Amino acid sequence: MQPGEYDGKMPHNYDNPKVQQIREQLGEFDYDEENNYGSQQVEARAMVELENKSRYEGEWIVGSDIR
């Protein structure tokens, strides 16, 4: 496991007031929308805890720490 990688022990609870406010503003995510990666190749990575204690699971630019 990489430093900060999600270990499965923390709950997946993102339902805090700020997150709820943002979700109400943005609406549900459209998973059918086409991806636009531009010229950068991306790879999927496991969940990690970021510097600000938020958690991210998703795509990163290959060979970098850029999400």
PDB file of N, CA and C in Angstrom:
ATOM      1  N   MET A   1       0.857  -1.174   0.000  1.00  0.00           N
ATOM      2  CA  MET A   1       0.000   0.000   0.000  1.00  0.00           C
ATOM      3  C   MET A   1       0.904   1.239   0.000  1.00  0.00           C
ATOM      4  N   GLN A   2       0.548   2.225  -0.835  1.00  0.00           N
ATOM      5  CA  GLN A   2       1.298   3.470  -0.953  1.00  0.00           C
ATOM      6  C   GLN A   2       0.953   4.393   0.215  1.00  0.00           C
ATOM      7  N   PRO A   3       1.867   5.321   0.564  1.00  0.00           N
ATOM      8  CA  PRO A   3       1.562   6.270   1.640  1.00  0.00           C
ATOM      9  C   PRO A   3       0.268   7.013   1.346  1.00  0.00           C
ATOM     10  N   GLY A   4      -0.606   7.062   2.337  1.00  0.00           N
ATOM     11  CA  GLY A   4      -1.870   7.758   2.194  1.00  0.00           C
ATOM     12  C   GLY A   4      -2.952   6.964   1.490  1.00  0.00           C
ATOM     13  N   GLU A   5      -2.612   5.770   0.971  1.00  0.00           N
ATOM     14  CA  GLU A   5      -3.602   4.960   0.259  1.00  0.00           C
ATOM     15  C   GLU A   5      -4.686   4.494   1.222  1.00  0.00           C
ATOM     16  N   TYR A   6      -5.903   4.482   0.754  1.00  0.00           N
ATOM     17  CA  TYR A   6      -7.047   4.085   1.575  1.00  0.00           C
ATOM     18  C   TYR A   6      -6.890   2.636   2.005  1.00  0.00           C
ATOM     19  N   ASP A   7      -7.000   2.380   3.301  1.00  0.00           N
ATOM     20  CA  ASP A   7      -6.774   1.035   3.841  1.00  0.00           C
ATOM     21  C   ASP A   7      -8.061   0.266   4.091  1.00  0.00           C
ATOM     22  N   GLY A   8      -9.197   0.828   3.742  1.00  0.00           N
ATOM     23  CA  GLY A   8     -10.464   0.139   3.928  1.00  0.00           C
ATOM     24  C   GLY A   8     -11.025   0.258   5.331  1.00  0.00           C
ATOM     25  N   LYS A   9     -10.309   0.897   6.240  1.00  0.00           N
ATOM     26  CA  LYS A   9     -10.771   1.011   7.621  1.00  0.00           C
ATOM     27  C   LYS A   9     -11.612   2.259   7.851  1.00  0.00           C
ATOM     28  N   MET A  10     -11.420   3.291   7.034  1.00  0.00           N
ATOM     29  CA  MET A  10     -12.197   4.513   7.186  1.00  0.00           C
ATOM     30  C   MET A  10     -13.531   4.333   6.466  1.00  0.00           C
ATOM     31  N   PRO A  11     -14.607   4.826   7.025  1.00  0.00           N
ATOM     32  CA  PRO A  11     -15.905   4.684   6.355  1.00  0.00           C
ATOM     33  C   PRO A  11     -15.982   5.573   5.118  1.00  0.00           C
ATOM     34  N   HIS A  12     -16.775   5.180   4.158  1.00  0.00           N
ATOM     35  CA  HIS A  12     -17.018   5.979   2.958  1.00  0.00           C
ATOM     36  C   HIS A  12     -18.185   6.914   3.223  1.00  0.00           C
ATOM     37  N   ASN A  13     -18.037   7.827   4.153  1.00  0.00           N
ATOM     38  CA  ASN A  13     -19.111   8.744   4.494  1.00  0.00           C
ATOM     39  C   ASN A  13     -18.720  10.139   4.048  1.00  0.00           C
ATOM     40  N   TYR A  14     -19.320  10.581   2.944  1.00  0.00           N
ATOM     41  CA  TYR A  14     -19.033  11.906   2.423  1.00  0.00           C
ATOM     42  C   TYR A  14     -20.201  12.849   2.672  1.00  0.00           C
ATOM     43  N   ASP A  15     -21.129  12.453   3.517  1.00  0.00           N
ATOM     44  CA  ASP A  15     -22.350  13.216   3.711  1.00  0.00           C
ATOM     45  C   ASP A  15     -22.212  14.264   4.806  1.00  0.00           C
ATOM     46  N   ASN A  16     -21.337  15.239   4.575  1.00  0.00           N
ATOM     47  CA  ASN A  16     -21.260  16.359   5.497  1.00  0.00           C
ATOM     48  C   ASN A  16     -21.977  17.545   4.855  1.00  0.00           C
ATOM     49  N   PRO A  17     -22.292  18.585   5.608  1.00  0.00           N
ATOM     50  CA  PRO A  17     -23.105  19.692   5.072  1.00  0.00           C
ATOM     51  C   PRO A  17     -22.508  20.348   3.827  1.00  0.00           C
ATOM     52  N   LYS A  18     -21.207  20.548   3.782  1.00  0.00           N
ATOM     53  CA  LYS A  18     -20.591  21.197   2.618  1.00  0.00           C
ATOM     54  C   LYS A  18     -20.708  20.321   1.378  1.00  0.00           C
ATOM     55  N   VAL A  19     -20.461  19.026   1.532  1.00  0.00           N
ATOM     56  CA  VAL A  19     -20.581  18.107   0.405  1.00  0.00           C
ATOM     57  C   VAL A  19     -22.026  18.073  -0.092  1.00  0.00           C
ATOM     58  N   GLN A  20     -22.977  18.025   0.821  1.00  0.00           N
ATOM     59  CA  GLN A  20     -24.382  18.022   0.432  1.00  0.00           C
ATOM     60  C   GLN A  20     -24.746  19.294  -0.330  1.00  0.00           C
ATOM     61  N   GLN A  21     -24.233  20.436   0.119  1.00  0.00           N
ATOM     62  CA  GLN A  21     -24.504  21.706  -0.566  1.00  0.00           C
ATOM     63  C   GLN A  21     -23.956  21.666  -1.991  1.00  0.00           C
ATOM     64  N   ILE A  22     -22.734  21.163  -2.161  1.00  0.00           N
ATOM     65  CA  ILE A  22     -22.123  21.091  -3.490  1.00  0.00           C
ATOM     66  C   ILE A  22     -22.896  20.127  -4.383  1.00  0.00           C
ATOM     67  N   ARG A  23     -23.283  18.976  -3.837  1.00  0.00           N
ATOM     68  CA  ARG A  23     -24.044  17.999  -4.615  1.00  0.00           C
ATOM     69  C   ARG A  23     -25.375  18.578  -5.077  1.00  0.00           C
ATOM     70  N   GLU A  24     -26.019  19.369  -4.227  1.00  0.00           N
ATOM     71  CA  GLU A  24     -27.287  19.992  -4.611  1.00  0.00           C
ATOM     72  C   GLU A  24     -27.071  21.003  -5.728  1.00  0.00           C
ATOM     73  N   GLN A  25     -25.969  21.738  -5.684  1.00  0.00           N
ATOM     74  CA  GLN A  25     -25.674  22.725  -6.717  1.00  0.00           C
ATOM     75  C   GLN A  25     -25.331  22.069  -8.049  1.00  0.00           C
ATOM     76  N   LEU A  26     -24.535  20.996  -7.998  1.00  0.00           N
ATOM     77  CA  LEU A  26     -24.051  20.371  -9.227  1.00  0.00           C
ATOM     78  C   LEU A  26     -24.993  19.317  -9.791  1.00  0.00           C
ATOM     79  N   GLY A  27     -25.794  18.707  -8.943  1.00  0.00           N
ATOM     80  CA  GLY A  27     -26.639  17.614  -9.390  1.00  0.00           C
ATOM     81  C   GLY A  27     -25.836  16.316  -9.449  1.00  0.00           C
ATOM     82  N   GLU A  28     -26.504  15.253  -9.871  1.00  0.00           N
ATOM     83  CA  GLU A  28     -25.847  13.955  -9.935  1.00  0.00           C
ATOM     84  C   GLU A  28     -24.805  13.929 -11.046  1.00  0.00           C
ATOM     85  N   PHE A  29     -23.761  13.149 -10.869  1.00  0.00           N
ATOM     86  CA  PHE A  29     -22.702  13.012 -11.860  1.00  0.00           C
ATOM     87  C   PHE A  29     -23.207  12.219 -13.056  1.00  0.00           C
ATOM     88  N   ASP A  30     -22.856  12.659 -14.252  1.00  0.00           N
ATOM     89  CA  ASP A  30     -23.260  11.979 -15.477  1.00  0.00           C
ATOM     90  C   ASP A  30     -22.161  11.010 -15.893  1.00  0.00           C
ATOM     91  N   TYR A  31     -22.327   9.742 -15.531  1.00  0.00           N
ATOM     92  CA  TYR A  31     -21.324   8.733 -15.843  1.00  0.00           C
ATOM     93  C   TYR A  31     -21.298   8.380 -17.322  1.00  0.00           C
ATOM     94  N   ASP A  32     -22.304   8.738 -18.074  1.00  0.00           N
ATOM     95  CA  ASP A  32     -22.350   8.428 -19.498  1.00  0.00           C
ATOM     96  C   ASP A  32     -21.632   9.462 -20.355  1.00  0.00           C
ATOM     97  N   GLU A  33     -21.267  10.583 -19.751  1.00  0.00           N
ATOM     98  CA  GLU A  33     -20.574  11.633 -20.498  1.00  0.00           C
ATOM     99  C   GLU A  33     -19.211  11.123 -20.951  1.00  0.00           C
ATOM    100  N   GLU A  34     -18.816  11.478 -22.170  1.00  0.00           N
ATOM    101  CA  GLU A  34     -17.530  11.028 -22.690  1.00  0.00           C
ATOM    102  C   GLU A  34     -16.386  11.696 -21.931  1.00  0.00           C
ATOM    103  N   ASN A  35     -15.323  10.944 -21.739  1.00  0.00           N
ATOM    104  CA  ASN A  35     -14.130  11.476 -21.081  1.00  0.00           C
ATOM    105  C   ASN A  35     -13.351  12.345 -22.045  1.00  0.00           C
ATOM    106  N   ASN A  36     -12.697  13.349 -21.513  1.00  0.00           N
ATOM    107  CA  ASN A  36     -11.862  14.221 -22.324  1.00  0.00           C
ATOM    108  C   ASN A  36     -10.503  14.318 -21.651  1.00  0.00           C
ATOM    109  N   TYR A  37      -9.581  13.491 -22.081  1.00  0.00           N
ATOM    110  CA  TYR A  37      -8.265  13.445 -21.452  1.00  0.00           C
ATOM    111  C   TYR A  37      -7.262  14.372 -22.122  1.00  0.00           C
ATOM    112  N   GLY A  38      -7.621  14.947 -23.248  1.00  0.00           N
ATOM    113  CA  GLY A  38      -6.668  15.786 -23.952  1.00  0.00           C
ATOM    114  C   GLY A  38      -5.487  14.949 -24.403  1.00  0.00           C
ATOM    115  N   SER A  39      -4.296  15.488 -24.272  1.00  0.00           N
ATOM    116  CA  SER A  39      -3.100  14.765 -24.723  1.00  0.00           C
ATOM    117  C   SER A  39      -2.448  13.959 -23.604  1.00  0.00           C
ATOM    118  N   GLN A  40      -3.016  13.986 -22.409  1.00  0.00           N
ATOM    119  CA  GLN A  40      -2.426  13.294 -21.262  1.00  0.00           C
ATOM    120  C   GLN A  40      -3.009  11.895 -21.107  1.00  0.00           C
ATOM    121  N   GLN A  41      -2.153  10.903 -20.918  1.00  0.00           N
ATOM    122  CA  GLN A  41      -2.629   9.566 -20.597  1.00  0.00           C
ATOM    123  C   GLN A  41      -2.896   9.509 -19.105  1.00  0.00           C
ATOM    124  N   VAL A  42      -3.957   8.804 -18.724  1.00  0.00           N
ATOM    125  CA  VAL A  42      -4.313   8.694 -17.315  1.00  0.00           C
ATOM    126  C   VAL A  42      -4.376   7.229 -16.903  1.00  0.00           C
ATOM    127  N   GLU A  43      -4.258   7.020 -15.588  1.00  0.00           N
ATOM    128  CA  GLU A  43      -4.374   5.679 -15.025  1.00  0.00           C
ATOM    129  C   GLU A  43      -5.235   5.746 -13.779  1.00  0.00           C
ATOM    130  N   ALA A  44      -5.968   4.664 -13.512  1.00  0.00           N
ATOM    131  CA  ALA A  44      -6.789   4.590 -12.305  1.00  0.00           C
ATOM    132  C   ALA A  44      -5.908   4.162 -11.145  1.00  0.00           C
ATOM    133  N   ARG A  45      -6.105   4.782  -9.997  1.00  0.00           N
ATOM    134  CA  ARG A  45      -5.358   4.435  -8.787  1.00  0.00           C
ATOM    135  C   ARG A  45      -6.313   4.250  -7.624  1.00  0.00           C
ATOM    136  N   ALA A  46      -5.845   3.518  -6.633  1.00  0.00           N
ATOM    137  CA  ALA A  46      -6.635   3.266  -5.432  1.00  0.00           C
ATOM    138  C   ALA A  46      -6.836   4.563  -4.647  1.00  0.00           C
ATOM    139  N   MET A  47      -7.790   4.536  -3.721  1.00  0.00           N
ATOM    140  CA  MET A  47      -8.077   5.704  -2.906  1.00  0.00           C
ATOM    141  C   MET A  47      -6.868   6.093  -2.060  1.00  0.00           C
ATOM    142  N   VAL A  48      -6.597   7.394  -2.015  1.00  0.00           N
ATOM    143  CA  VAL A  48      -5.523   7.931  -1.186  1.00  0.00           C
ATOM    144  C   VAL A  48      -6.071   9.059  -0.337  1.00  0.00           C
ATOM    145  N   GLU A  49      -5.417   9.307   0.771  1.00  0.00           N
ATOM    146  CA  GLU A  49      -5.749  10.463   1.595  1.00  0.00           C
ATOM    147  C   GLU A  49      -4.789  11.571   1.208  1.00  0.00           C
ATOM    148  N   LEU A  50      -5.335  12.718   0.826  1.00  0.00           N
ATOM    149  CA  LEU A  50      -4.528  13.849   0.381  1.00  0.00           C
ATOM    150  C   LEU A  50      -4.039  14.666   1.568  1.00  0.00           C
ATOM    151  N   GLU A  51      -3.204  15.657   1.271  1.00  0.00           N
ATOM    152  CA  GLU A  51      -2.590  16.482   2.317  1.00  0.00           C
ATOM    153  C   GLU A  51      -3.622  17.156   3.208  1.00  0.00           C
ATOM    154  N   ASN A  52      -4.758  17.525   2.616  1.00  0.00           N
ATOM    155  CA  ASN A  52      -5.787  18.232   3.383  1.00  0.00           C
ATOM    156  C   ASN A  52      -6.780  17.274   4.050  1.00  0.00           C
ATOM    157  N   LYS A  53      -6.431  15.987   4.095  1.00  0.00           N
ATOM    158  CA  LYS A  53      -7.223  14.931   4.739  1.00  0.00           C
ATOM    159  C   LYS A  53      -8.447  14.512   3.926  1.00  0.00           C
ATOM    160  N   SER A  54      -8.617  15.065   2.718  1.00  0.00           N
ATOM    161  CA  SER A  54      -9.684  14.582   1.851  1.00  0.00           C
ATOM    162  C   SER A  54      -9.218  13.279   1.208  1.00  0.00           C
ATOM    163  N   ARG A  55     -10.161  12.527   0.656  1.00  0.00           N
ATOM    164  CA  ARG A  55      -9.818  11.256   0.021  1.00  0.00           C
ATOM    165  C   ARG A  55     -10.157  11.327  -1.452  1.00  0.00           C
ATOM    166  N   TYR A  56      -9.303  10.727  -2.271  1.00  0.00           N
ATOM    167  CA  TYR A  56      -9.506  10.735  -3.719  1.00  0.00           C
ATOM    168  C   TYR A  56      -9.254   9.340  -4.274  1.00  0.00           C
ATOM    169  N   GLU A  57     -10.189   8.874  -5.087  1.00  0.00           N
ATOM    170  CA  GLU A  57     -10.033   7.619  -5.811  1.00  0.00           C
ATOM    171  C   GLU A  57     -10.394   7.915  -7.249  1.00  0.00           C
ATOM    172  N   GLY A  58      -9.481   7.674  -8.140  1.00  0.00           N
ATOM    173  CA  GLY A  58      -9.801   7.967  -9.527  1.00  0.00           C
ATOM    174  C   GLY A  58      -8.588   7.983 -10.406  1.00  0.00           C
ATOM    175  N   GLU A  59      -8.627   8.856 -11.394  1.00  0.00           N
ATOM    176  CA  GLU A  59      -7.605   8.874 -12.415  1.00  0.00           C
ATOM    177  C   GLU A  59      -6.538   9.921 -12.135  1.00  0.00           C
ATOM    178  N   TRP A  60      -5.314   9.550 -12.467  1.00  0.00           N
ATOM    179  CA  TRP A  60      -4.137  10.395 -12.314  1.00  0.00           C
ATOM    180  C   TRP A  60      -3.413  10.419 -13.651  1.00  0.00           C
ATOM    181  N   ILE A  61      -2.730  11.517 -13.957  1.00  0.00           N
ATOM    182  CA  ILE A  61      -1.904  11.558 -15.141  1.00  0.00           C
ATOM    183  C   ILE A  61      -0.765  10.573 -14.940  1.00  0.00           C
ATOM    184  N   VAL A  62      -0.535   9.711 -15.937  1.00  0.00           N
ATOM    185  CA  VAL A  62       0.474   8.651 -15.841  1.00  0.00           C
ATOM    186  C   VAL A  62       1.839   9.253 -15.505  1.00  0.00           C
ATOM    187  N   GLY A  63       2.505   8.650 -14.504  1.00  0.00           N
ATOM    188  CA  GLY A  63       3.852   9.051 -14.109  1.00  0.00           C
ATOM    189  C   GLY A  63       3.918  10.320 -13.296  1.00  0.00           C
ATOM    190  N   SER A  64       2.772  10.763 -12.755  1.00  0.00           N
ATOM    191  CA  SER A  64       2.778  12.002 -11.972  1.00  0.00           C
ATOM    192  C   SER A  64       1.866  11.860 -10.775  1.00  0.00           C
ATOM    193  N   ASP A  65       1.833  12.891  -9.949  1.00  0.00           N
ATOM    194  CA  ASP A  65       0.912  12.960  -8.834  1.00  0.00           C
ATOM    195  C   ASP A  65      -0.176  13.992  -9.110  1.00  0.00           C
ATOM    196  N   ILE A  66      -0.498  14.180 -10.386  1.00  0.00           N
ATOM    197  CA  ILE A  66      -1.514  15.139 -10.798  1.00  0.00           C
ATOM    198  C   ILE A  66      -2.806  14.387 -11.083  1.00  0.00           C
ATOM    199  N   ARG A  67      -3.891  14.831 -10.434  1.00  0.00           N
ATOM    200  CA  ARG A  67      -5.197  14.204 -10.610  1.00  0.00           C
ATOM    201  C   ARG A  67      -5.911  14.815 -11.792  1.00  0.00           C
TER     202      ARG A  67
END
